[in-house]
């Protein structure tokens, strides 16, 4: 079964927002957790606002991190309940962090 680019883009944004909220909140941590390229992580974080997910970088550049300030119409609880399915669709396998 083929997965649309729209769905994978949507799921990737949800997954990264969820991981940020769980403490995997820097680009290097997201790269390590998912094995995705730095540019993909950065582009996905920047695109979260299209879904009304309020993600902001806080702190100094070297010591800062991202945080989710609001989910808009998205249910973070639903993401948590479906995290393994989302990872499977995206091909990111199981979480190494236990989330």
PDB file of N, CA and C in Angstrom:
ATOM      1  N   UNK A   1       0.833  -1.177   0.000  1.00  0.00           N
ATOM      2  CA  UNK A   1       0.000   0.000   0.000  1.00  0.00           C
ATOM      3  C   UNK A   1       0.884   1.249   0.000  1.00  0.00           C
ATOM      4  N   UNK A   2       0.597   2.144  -0.896  1.00  0.00           N
ATOM      5  CA  UNK A   2       1.354   3.377  -1.017  1.00  0.00           C
ATOM      6  C   UNK A   2       0.812   4.427  -0.044  1.00  0.00           C
ATOM      7  N   UNK A   3       1.712   5.105   0.633  1.00  0.00           N
ATOM      8  CA  UNK A   3       1.334   6.163   1.572  1.00  0.00           C
ATOM      9  C   UNK A   3       1.580   7.506   0.885  1.00  0.00           C
ATOM     10  N   UNK A   4       0.599   8.388   0.944  1.00  0.00           N
ATOM     11  CA  UNK A   4       0.718   9.674   0.262  1.00  0.00           C
ATOM     12  C   UNK A   4       1.755  10.571   0.947  1.00  0.00           C
ATOM     13  N   UNK A   5       2.326  11.458   0.171  1.00  0.00           N
ATOM     14  CA  UNK A   5       3.274  12.436   0.710  1.00  0.00           C
ATOM     15  C   UNK A   5       2.586  13.358   1.715  1.00  0.00           C
ATOM     16  N   UNK A   6       1.306  13.639   1.487  1.00  0.00           N
ATOM     17  CA  UNK A   6       0.553  14.478   2.415  1.00  0.00           C
ATOM     18  C   UNK A   6       0.475  13.814   3.787  1.00  0.00           C
ATOM     19  N   UNK A   7       0.171  12.523   3.792  1.00  0.00           N
ATOM     20  CA  UNK A   7       0.054  11.797   5.058  1.00  0.00           C
ATOM     21  C   UNK A   7       1.400  11.701   5.766  1.00  0.00           C
ATOM     22  N   UNK A   8       2.458  11.373   5.021  1.00  0.00           N
ATOM     23  CA  UNK A   8       3.760  11.251   5.671  1.00  0.00           C
ATOM     24  C   UNK A   8       4.237  12.602   6.212  1.00  0.00           C
ATOM     25  N   UNK A   9       3.974  13.666   5.490  1.00  0.00           N
ATOM     26  CA  UNK A   9       4.346  14.997   5.969  1.00  0.00           C
ATOM     27  C   UNK A   9       3.591  15.338   7.251  1.00  0.00           C
ATOM     28  N   UNK A  10       2.299  15.051   7.257  1.00  0.00           N
ATOM     29  CA  UNK A  10       1.452  15.309   8.428  1.00  0.00           C
ATOM     30  C   UNK A  10       1.945  14.491   9.620  1.00  0.00           C
ATOM     31  N   UNK A  11       2.143  13.195   9.412  1.00  0.00           N
ATOM     32  CA  UNK A  11       2.598  12.326  10.492  1.00  0.00           C
ATOM     33  C   UNK A  11       3.973  12.741  11.003  1.00  0.00           C
ATOM     34  N   UNK A  12       4.877  13.133  10.105  1.00  0.00           N
ATOM     35  CA  UNK A  12       6.215  13.549  10.532  1.00  0.00           C
ATOM     36  C   UNK A  12       6.122  14.771  11.449  1.00  0.00           C
ATOM     37  N   UNK A  13       5.277  15.714  11.119  1.00  0.00           N
ATOM     38  CA  UNK A  13       5.104  16.897  11.975  1.00  0.00           C
ATOM     39  C   UNK A  13       4.550  16.502  13.341  1.00  0.00           C
ATOM     40  N   UNK A  14       3.556  15.617  13.342  1.00  0.00           N
ATOM     41  CA  UNK A  14       2.984  15.154  14.606  1.00  0.00           C
ATOM     42  C   UNK A  14       4.033  14.434  15.447  1.00  0.00           C
ATOM     43  N   UNK A  15       4.790  13.549  14.813  1.00  0.00           N
ATOM     44  CA  UNK A  15       5.794  12.777  15.533  1.00  0.00           C
ATOM     45  C   UNK A  15       6.860  13.678  16.138  1.00  0.00           C
ATOM     46  N   UNK A  16       7.392  14.602  15.374  1.00  0.00           N
ATOM     47  CA  UNK A  16       8.423  15.478  15.906  1.00  0.00           C
ATOM     48  C   UNK A  16       7.887  16.351  17.032  1.00  0.00           C
ATOM     49  N   UNK A  17       6.685  16.864  16.889  1.00  0.00           N
ATOM     50  CA  UNK A  17       6.097  17.673  17.967  1.00  0.00           C
ATOM     51  C   UNK A  17       5.942  16.837  19.233  1.00  0.00           C
ATOM     52  N   UNK A  18       5.468  15.617  19.068  1.00  0.00           N
ATOM     53  CA  UNK A  18       5.288  14.729  20.219  1.00  0.00           C
ATOM     54  C   UNK A  18       6.630  14.440  20.893  1.00  0.00           C
ATOM     55  N   UNK A  19       7.650  14.128  20.091  1.00  0.00           N
ATOM     56  CA  UNK A  19       8.967  13.845  20.661  1.00  0.00           C
ATOM     57  C   UNK A  19       9.546  15.060  21.369  1.00  0.00           C
ATOM     58  N   UNK A  20       9.355  16.240  20.790  1.00  0.00           N
ATOM     59  CA  UNK A  20       9.820  17.469  21.434  1.00  0.00           C
ATOM     60  C   UNK A  20       9.171  17.606  22.805  1.00  0.00           C
ATOM     61  N   UNK A  21       7.882  17.349  22.867  1.00  0.00           N
ATOM     62  CA  UNK A  21       7.165  17.447  24.149  1.00  0.00           C
ATOM     63  C   UNK A  21       7.655  16.402  25.153  1.00  0.00           C
ATOM     64  N   UNK A  22       8.155  15.277  24.650  1.00  0.00           N
ATOM     65  CA  UNK A  22       8.655  14.203  25.516  1.00  0.00           C
ATOM     66  C   UNK A  22      10.115  14.393  25.917  1.00  0.00           C
ATOM     67  N   UNK A  23      10.742  15.498  25.484  1.00  0.00           N
ATOM     68  CA  UNK A  23      12.119  15.780  25.885  1.00  0.00           C
ATOM     69  C   UNK A  23      13.175  15.489  24.831  1.00  0.00           C
ATOM     70  N   UNK A  24      12.764  14.966  23.698  1.00  0.00           N
ATOM     71  CA  UNK A  24      13.701  14.792  22.576  1.00  0.00           C
ATOM     72  C   UNK A  24      13.563  16.080  21.775  1.00  0.00           C
ATOM     73  N   UNK A  25      14.175  17.153  22.313  1.00  0.00           N
ATOM     74  CA  UNK A  25      13.794  18.510  21.932  1.00  0.00           C
ATOM     75  C   UNK A  25      14.887  19.362  21.295  1.00  0.00           C
ATOM     76  N   UNK A  26      15.881  18.702  20.720  1.00  0.00           N
ATOM     77  CA  UNK A  26      16.889  19.415  19.938  1.00  0.00           C
ATOM     78  C   UNK A  26      17.029  18.683  18.601  1.00  0.00           C
ATOM     79  N   UNK A  27      17.548  19.371  17.619  1.00  0.00           N
ATOM     80  CA  UNK A  27      17.735  18.727  16.311  1.00  0.00           C
ATOM     81  C   UNK A  27      18.675  17.529  16.423  1.00  0.00           C
ATOM     82  N   UNK A  28      19.815  17.630  17.137  1.00  0.00           N
ATOM     83  CA  UNK A  28      20.671  16.445  17.264  1.00  0.00           C
ATOM     84  C   UNK A  28      19.960  15.256  17.929  1.00  0.00           C
ATOM     85  N   UNK A  29      19.132  15.515  18.931  1.00  0.00           N
ATOM     86  CA  UNK A  29      18.391  14.428  19.585  1.00  0.00           C
ATOM     87  C   UNK A  29      17.386  13.809  18.627  1.00  0.00           C
ATOM     88  N   UNK A  30      16.709  14.644  17.832  1.00  0.00           N
ATOM     89  CA  UNK A  30      15.746  14.124  16.855  1.00  0.00           C
ATOM     90  C   UNK A  30      16.464  13.314  15.768  1.00  0.00           C
ATOM     91  N   UNK A  31      17.618  13.803  15.337  1.00  0.00           N
ATOM     92  CA  UNK A  31      18.421  13.065  14.347  1.00  0.00           C
ATOM     93  C   UNK A  31      18.789  11.681  14.890  1.00  0.00           C
ATOM     94  N   UNK A  32      19.241  11.648  16.138  1.00  0.00           N
ATOM     95  CA  UNK A  32      19.657  10.380  16.745  1.00  0.00           C
ATOM     96  C   UNK A  32      18.471   9.440  16.951  1.00  0.00           C
ATOM     97  N   UNK A  33      17.354   9.971  17.385  1.00  0.00           N
ATOM     98  CA  UNK A  33      16.169   9.160  17.659  1.00  0.00           C
ATOM     99  C   UNK A  33      15.576   8.549  16.396  1.00  0.00           C
ATOM    100  N   UNK A  34      15.521   9.337  15.326  1.00  0.00           N
ATOM    101  CA  UNK A  34      14.808   8.906  14.124  1.00  0.00           C
ATOM    102  C   UNK A  34      15.719   8.569  12.947  1.00  0.00           C
ATOM    103  N   UNK A  35      16.956   9.032  12.992  1.00  0.00           N
ATOM    104  CA  UNK A  35      17.858   8.801  11.872  1.00  0.00           C
ATOM    105  C   UNK A  35      17.511   9.637  10.655  1.00  0.00           C
ATOM    106  N   UNK A  36      16.853  10.766  10.873  1.00  0.00           N
ATOM    107  CA  UNK A  36      16.508  11.620   9.740  1.00  0.00           C
ATOM    108  C   UNK A  36      17.550  12.716   9.581  1.00  0.00           C
ATOM    109  N   UNK A  37      17.706  13.237   8.373  1.00  0.00           N
ATOM    110  CA  UNK A  37      18.688  14.294   8.136  1.00  0.00           C
ATOM    111  C   UNK A  37      18.355  15.582   8.900  1.00  0.00           C
ATOM    112  N   UNK A  38      19.395  16.304   9.248  1.00  0.00           N
ATOM    113  CA  UNK A  38      19.245  17.566   9.971  1.00  0.00           C
ATOM    114  C   UNK A  38      18.270  18.501   9.263  1.00  0.00           C
ATOM    115  N   UNK A  39      18.428  18.644   7.958  1.00  0.00           N
ATOM    116  CA  UNK A  39      17.582  19.568   7.190  1.00  0.00           C
ATOM    117  C   UNK A  39      16.107  19.153   7.253  1.00  0.00           C
ATOM    118  N   UNK A  40      15.842  17.856   7.207  1.00  0.00           N
ATOM    119  CA  UNK A  40      14.463  17.368   7.303  1.00  0.00           C
ATOM    120  C   UNK A  40      13.879  17.713   8.663  1.00  0.00           C
ATOM    121  N   UNK A  41      14.667  17.525   9.722  1.00  0.00           N
ATOM    122  CA  UNK A  41      14.203  17.874  11.074  1.00  0.00           C
ATOM    123  C   UNK A  41      13.897  19.364  11.158  1.00  0.00           C
ATOM    124  N   UNK A  42      14.806  20.193  10.668  1.00  0.00           N
ATOM    125  CA  UNK A  42      14.607  21.642  10.729  1.00  0.00           C
ATOM    126  C   UNK A  42      13.390  22.075   9.905  1.00  0.00           C
ATOM    127  N   UNK A  43      13.270  21.550   8.696  1.00  0.00           N
ATOM    128  CA  UNK A  43      12.128  21.906   7.841  1.00  0.00           C
ATOM    129  C   UNK A  43      10.808  21.468   8.467  1.00  0.00           C
ATOM    130  N   UNK A  44      10.808  20.285   9.080  1.00  0.00           N
ATOM    131  CA  UNK A  44       9.585  19.778   9.707  1.00  0.00           C
ATOM    132  C   UNK A  44       9.193  20.638  10.901  1.00  0.00           C
ATOM    133  N   UNK A  45      10.150  21.017  11.711  1.00  0.00           N
ATOM    134  CA  UNK A  45       9.866  21.889  12.854  1.00  0.00           C
ATOM    135  C   UNK A  45       9.294  23.217  12.363  1.00  0.00           C
ATOM    136  N   UNK A  46       9.896  23.783  11.328  1.00  0.00           N
ATOM    137  CA  UNK A  46       9.409  25.054  10.787  1.00  0.00           C
ATOM    138  C   UNK A  46       8.006  24.942  10.210  1.00  0.00           C
ATOM    139  N   UNK A  47       7.638  23.758   9.723  1.00  0.00           N
ATOM    140  CA  UNK A  47       6.335  23.559   9.095  1.00  0.00           C
ATOM    141  C   UNK A  47       5.220  23.250  10.104  1.00  0.00           C
ATOM    142  N   UNK A  48       5.561  23.040  11.352  1.00  0.00           N
ATOM    143  CA  UNK A  48       4.534  22.724  12.354  1.00  0.00           C
ATOM    144  C   UNK A  48       3.486  23.827  12.476  1.00  0.00           C
ATOM    145  N   UNK A  49       3.894  25.055  12.251  1.00  0.00           N
ATOM    146  CA  UNK A  49       2.949  26.174  12.381  1.00  0.00           C
ATOM    147  C   UNK A  49       1.816  26.078  11.364  1.00  0.00           C
ATOM    148  N   UNK A  50       2.038  25.380  10.246  1.00  0.00           N
ATOM    149  CA  UNK A  50       0.966  25.173   9.266  1.00  0.00           C
ATOM    150  C   UNK A  50      -0.196  24.386   9.861  1.00  0.00           C
ATOM    151  N   UNK A  51       0.089  23.606  10.904  1.00  0.00           N
ATOM    152  CA  UNK A  51      -0.943  22.828  11.598  1.00  0.00           C
ATOM    153  C   UNK A  51      -1.388  23.503  12.891  1.00  0.00           C
ATOM    154  N   UNK A  52      -0.964  24.736  13.092  1.00  0.00           N
ATOM    155  CA  UNK A  52      -1.233  25.494  14.315  1.00  0.00           C
ATOM    156  C   UNK A  52      -0.594  24.883  15.555  1.00  0.00           C
ATOM    157  N   UNK A  53       0.484  24.120  15.351  1.00  0.00           N
ATOM    158  CA  UNK A  53       1.278  23.648  16.481  1.00  0.00           C
ATOM    159  C   UNK A  53       2.288  24.747  16.785  1.00  0.00           C
ATOM    160  N   UNK A  54       2.234  25.265  18.004  1.00  0.00           N
ATOM    161  CA  UNK A  54       3.109  26.355  18.418  1.00  0.00           C
ATOM    162  C   UNK A  54       4.395  25.769  18.992  1.00  0.00           C
ATOM    163  N   UNK A  55       5.444  25.758  18.182  1.00  0.00           N
ATOM    164  CA  UNK A  55       6.746  25.230  18.575  1.00  0.00           C
ATOM    165  C   UNK A  55       7.745  26.381  18.537  1.00  0.00           C
ATOM    166  N   UNK A  56       8.415  26.591  19.660  1.00  0.00           N
ATOM    167  CA  UNK A  56       9.385  27.682  19.732  1.00  0.00           C
ATOM    168  C   UNK A  56      10.712  27.190  20.282  1.00  0.00           C
ATOM    169  N   UNK A  57      11.777  27.836  19.818  1.00  0.00           N
ATOM    170  CA  UNK A  57      13.105  27.573  20.346  1.00  0.00           C
ATOM    171  C   UNK A  57      13.322  28.485  21.530  1.00  0.00           C
ATOM    172  N   UNK A  58      13.765  27.918  22.640  1.00  0.00           N
ATOM    173  CA  UNK A  58      14.013  28.711  23.846  1.00  0.00           C
ATOM    174  C   UNK A  58      15.448  28.509  24.291  1.00  0.00           C
ATOM    175  N   UNK A  59      16.028  29.565  24.840  1.00  0.00           N
ATOM    176  CA  UNK A  59      17.387  29.491  25.336  1.00  0.00           C
ATOM    177  C   UNK A  59      18.392  29.964  24.315  1.00  0.00           C
ATOM    178  N   UNK A  60      19.643  29.850  24.696  1.00  0.00           N
ATOM    179  CA  UNK A  60      20.747  30.237  23.814  1.00  0.00           C
ATOM    180  C   UNK A  60      20.924  29.188  22.730  1.00  0.00           C
ATOM    181  N   UNK A  61      21.498  29.589  21.623  1.00  0.00           N
ATOM    182  CA  UNK A  61      21.656  28.669  20.484  1.00  0.00           C
ATOM    183  C   UNK A  61      22.310  27.349  20.862  1.00  0.00           C
ATOM    184  N   UNK A  62      23.402  27.394  21.590  1.00  0.00           N
ATOM    185  CA  UNK A  62      24.123  26.162  21.939  1.00  0.00           C
ATOM    186  C   UNK A  62      23.393  25.341  22.996  1.00  0.00           C
ATOM    187  N   UNK A  63      22.756  26.010  23.935  1.00  0.00           N
ATOM    188  CA  UNK A  63      22.156  25.317  25.068  1.00  0.00           C
ATOM    189  C   UNK A  63      20.630  25.304  25.022  1.00  0.00           C
ATOM    190  N   UNK A  64      20.053  25.793  23.945  1.00  0.00           N
ATOM    191  CA  UNK A  64      18.606  25.885  23.868  1.00  0.00           C
ATOM    192  C   UNK A  64      17.959  24.606  23.377  1.00  0.00           C
ATOM    193  N   UNK A  65      16.634  24.649  23.361  1.00  0.00           N
ATOM    194  CA  UNK A  65      15.868  23.506  22.892  1.00  0.00           C
ATOM    195  C   UNK A  65      14.503  23.998  22.396  1.00  0.00           C
ATOM    196  N   UNK A  66      13.788  23.107  21.742  1.00  0.00           N
ATOM    197  CA  UNK A  66      12.441  23.427  21.276  1.00  0.00           C
ATOM    198  C   UNK A  66      11.443  23.050  22.352  1.00  0.00           C
ATOM    199  N   UNK A  67      10.335  23.770  22.368  1.00  0.00           N
ATOM    200  CA  UNK A  67       9.231  23.405  23.249  1.00  0.00           C
ATOM    201  C   UNK A  67       7.919  23.630  22.510  1.00  0.00           C
ATOM    202  N   UNK A  68       6.941  22.812  22.847  1.00  0.00           N
ATOM    203  CA  UNK A  68       5.610  22.935  22.281  1.00  0.00           C
ATOM    204  C   UNK A  68       4.772  23.755  23.253  1.00  0.00           C
ATOM    205  N   UNK A  69       4.267  24.891  22.777  1.00  0.00           N
ATOM    206  CA  UNK A  69       3.456  25.776  23.616  1.00  0.00           C
ATOM    207  C   UNK A  69       1.963  25.598  23.383  1.00  0.00           C
ATOM    208  N   UNK A  70       1.601  24.949  22.302  1.00  0.00           N
ATOM    209  CA  UNK A  70       0.188  24.725  22.017  1.00  0.00           C
ATOM    210  C   UNK A  70       0.035  23.781  20.834  1.00  0.00           C
ATOM    211  N   UNK A  71      -1.027  22.996  20.866  1.00  0.00           N
ATOM    212  CA  UNK A  71      -1.269  21.982  19.850  1.00  0.00           C
ATOM    213  C   UNK A  71      -2.335  22.382  18.840  1.00  0.00           C
ATOM    214  N   UNK A  72      -2.949  23.530  18.982  1.00  0.00           N
ATOM    215  CA  UNK A  72      -4.016  23.900  18.062  1.00  0.00           C
ATOM    216  C   UNK A  72      -5.125  22.875  18.137  1.00  0.00           C
ATOM    217  N   UNK A  73      -5.582  22.377  16.989  1.00  0.00           N
ATOM    218  CA  UNK A  73      -6.676  21.407  16.943  1.00  0.00           C
ATOM    219  C   UNK A  73      -6.190  19.961  17.050  1.00  0.00           C
ATOM    220  N   UNK A  74      -4.906  19.759  17.265  1.00  0.00           N
ATOM    221  CA  UNK A  74      -4.317  18.419  17.313  1.00  0.00           C
ATOM    222  C   UNK A  74      -4.381  17.885  18.738  1.00  0.00           C
ATOM    223  N   UNK A  75      -4.671  16.595  18.883  1.00  0.00           N
ATOM    224  CA  UNK A  75      -4.692  15.936  20.189  1.00  0.00           C
ATOM    225  C   UNK A  75      -3.370  15.212  20.414  1.00  0.00           C
ATOM    226  N   UNK A  76      -2.583  15.728  21.340  1.00  0.00           N
ATOM    227  CA  UNK A  76      -1.312  15.058  21.638  1.00  0.00           C
ATOM    228  C   UNK A  76      -1.566  13.693  22.276  1.00  0.00           C
ATOM    229  N   UNK A  77      -2.694  13.529  22.962  1.00  0.00           N
ATOM    230  CA  UNK A  77      -3.038  12.224  23.542  1.00  0.00           C
ATOM    231  C   UNK A  77      -3.229  11.187  22.433  1.00  0.00           C
ATOM    232  N   UNK A  78      -3.878  11.580  21.332  1.00  0.00           N
ATOM    233  CA  UNK A  78      -4.074  10.654  20.209  1.00  0.00           C
ATOM    234  C   UNK A  78      -2.732  10.233  19.633  1.00  0.00           C
ATOM    235  N   UNK A  79      -1.819  11.174  19.536  1.00  0.00           N
ATOM    236  CA  UNK A  79      -0.496  10.848  19.003  1.00  0.00           C
ATOM    237  C   UNK A  79       0.185   9.816  19.901  1.00  0.00           C
ATOM    238  N   UNK A  80       0.129  10.044  21.209  1.00  0.00           N
ATOM    239  CA  UNK A  80       0.724   9.097  22.153  1.00  0.00           C
ATOM    240  C   UNK A  80       0.123   7.709  22.033  1.00  0.00           C
ATOM    241  N   UNK A  81      -1.174   7.642  21.846  1.00  0.00           N
ATOM    242  CA  UNK A  81      -1.861   6.354  21.717  1.00  0.00           C
ATOM    243  C   UNK A  81      -1.532   5.655  20.399  1.00  0.00           C
ATOM    244  N   UNK A  82      -1.129   6.403  19.396  1.00  0.00           N
ATOM    245  CA  UNK A  82      -0.879   5.857  18.060  1.00  0.00           C
ATOM    246  C   UNK A  82       0.569   5.996  17.610  1.00  0.00           C
ATOM    247  N   UNK A  83       1.469   6.225  18.545  1.00  0.00           N
ATOM    248  CA  UNK A  83       2.847   6.544  18.206  1.00  0.00           C
ATOM    249  C   UNK A  83       3.537   5.428  17.418  1.00  0.00           C
ATOM    250  N   UNK A  84       3.313   4.187  17.777  1.00  0.00           N
ATOM    251  CA  UNK A  84       3.987   3.098  17.067  1.00  0.00           C
ATOM    252  C   UNK A  84       3.467   2.974  15.641  1.00  0.00           C
ATOM    253  N   UNK A  85       2.173   3.195  15.431  1.00  0.00           N
ATOM    254  CA  UNK A  85       1.618   3.172  14.067  1.00  0.00           C
ATOM    255  C   UNK A  85       2.221   4.305  13.234  1.00  0.00           C
ATOM    256  N   UNK A  86       2.320   5.482  13.817  1.00  0.00           N
ATOM    257  CA  UNK A  86       2.898   6.631  13.111  1.00  0.00           C
ATOM    258  C   UNK A  86       4.344   6.333  12.727  1.00  0.00           C
ATOM    259  N   UNK A  87       5.112   5.783  13.674  1.00  0.00           N
ATOM    260  CA  UNK A  87       6.505   5.425  13.399  1.00  0.00           C
ATOM    261  C   UNK A  87       6.587   4.387  12.276  1.00  0.00           C
ATOM    262  N   UNK A  88       5.686   3.409  12.307  1.00  0.00           N
ATOM    263  CA  UNK A  88       5.685   2.359  11.292  1.00  0.00           C
ATOM    264  C   UNK A  88       5.386   2.940   9.910  1.00  0.00           C
ATOM    265  N   UNK A  89       4.385   3.800   9.815  1.00  0.00           N
ATOM    266  CA  UNK A  89       4.046   4.420   8.532  1.00  0.00           C
ATOM    267  C   UNK A  89       5.232   5.193   7.982  1.00  0.00           C
ATOM    268  N   UNK A  90       5.940   5.886   8.863  1.00  0.00           N
ATOM    269  CA  UNK A  90       7.072   6.700   8.440  1.00  0.00           C
ATOM    270  C   UNK A  90       8.360   5.891   8.265  1.00  0.00           C
ATOM    271  N   UNK A  91       8.367   4.650   8.737  1.00  0.00           N
ATOM    272  CA  UNK A  91       9.554   3.822   8.620  1.00  0.00           C
ATOM    273  C   UNK A  91      10.624   4.149   9.644  1.00  0.00           C
ATOM    274  N   UNK A  92      10.223   4.687  10.803  1.00  0.00           N
ATOM    275  CA  UNK A  92      11.195   5.059  11.835  1.00  0.00           C
ATOM    276  C   UNK A  92      11.351   4.017  12.925  1.00  0.00           C
ATOM    277  N   UNK A  93      10.675   2.886  12.818  1.00  0.00           N
ATOM    278  CA  UNK A  93      10.842   1.804  13.778  1.00  0.00           C
ATOM    279  C   UNK A  93      10.402   2.175  15.177  1.00  0.00           C
ATOM    280  N   UNK A  94      10.826   1.373  16.125  1.00  0.00           N
ATOM    281  CA  UNK A  94      10.435   1.565  17.516  1.00  0.00           C
ATOM    282  C   UNK A  94      11.283   2.640  18.171  1.00  0.00           C
ATOM    283  N   UNK A  95      10.729   3.215  19.187  1.00  0.00           N
ATOM    284  CA  UNK A  95      11.404   4.259  19.932  1.00  0.00           C
ATOM    285  C   UNK A  95      12.562   3.678  20.737  1.00  0.00           C
ATOM    286  N   UNK A  96      13.692   4.352  20.697  1.00  0.00           N
ATOM    287  CA  UNK A  96      14.823   3.950  21.536  1.00  0.00           C
ATOM    288  C   UNK A  96      14.717   4.557  22.918  1.00  0.00           C
ATOM    289  N   UNK A  97      13.792   5.530  23.079  1.00  0.00           N
ATOM    290  CA  UNK A  97      13.668   6.223  24.355  1.00  0.00           C
ATOM    291  C   UNK A  97      12.560   5.667  25.220  1.00  0.00           C
ATOM    292  N   UNK A  98      11.832   4.680  24.721  1.00  0.00           N
ATOM    293  CA  UNK A  98      10.770   4.089  25.512  1.00  0.00           C
ATOM    294  C   UNK A  98       9.452   4.800  25.412  1.00  0.00           C
ATOM    295  N   UNK A  99       9.343   5.825  24.569  1.00  0.00           N
ATOM    296  CA  UNK A  99       8.079   6.559  24.405  1.00  0.00           C
ATOM    297  C   UNK A  99       7.142   5.807  23.525  1.00  0.00           C
TER     298      UNK A  99
END
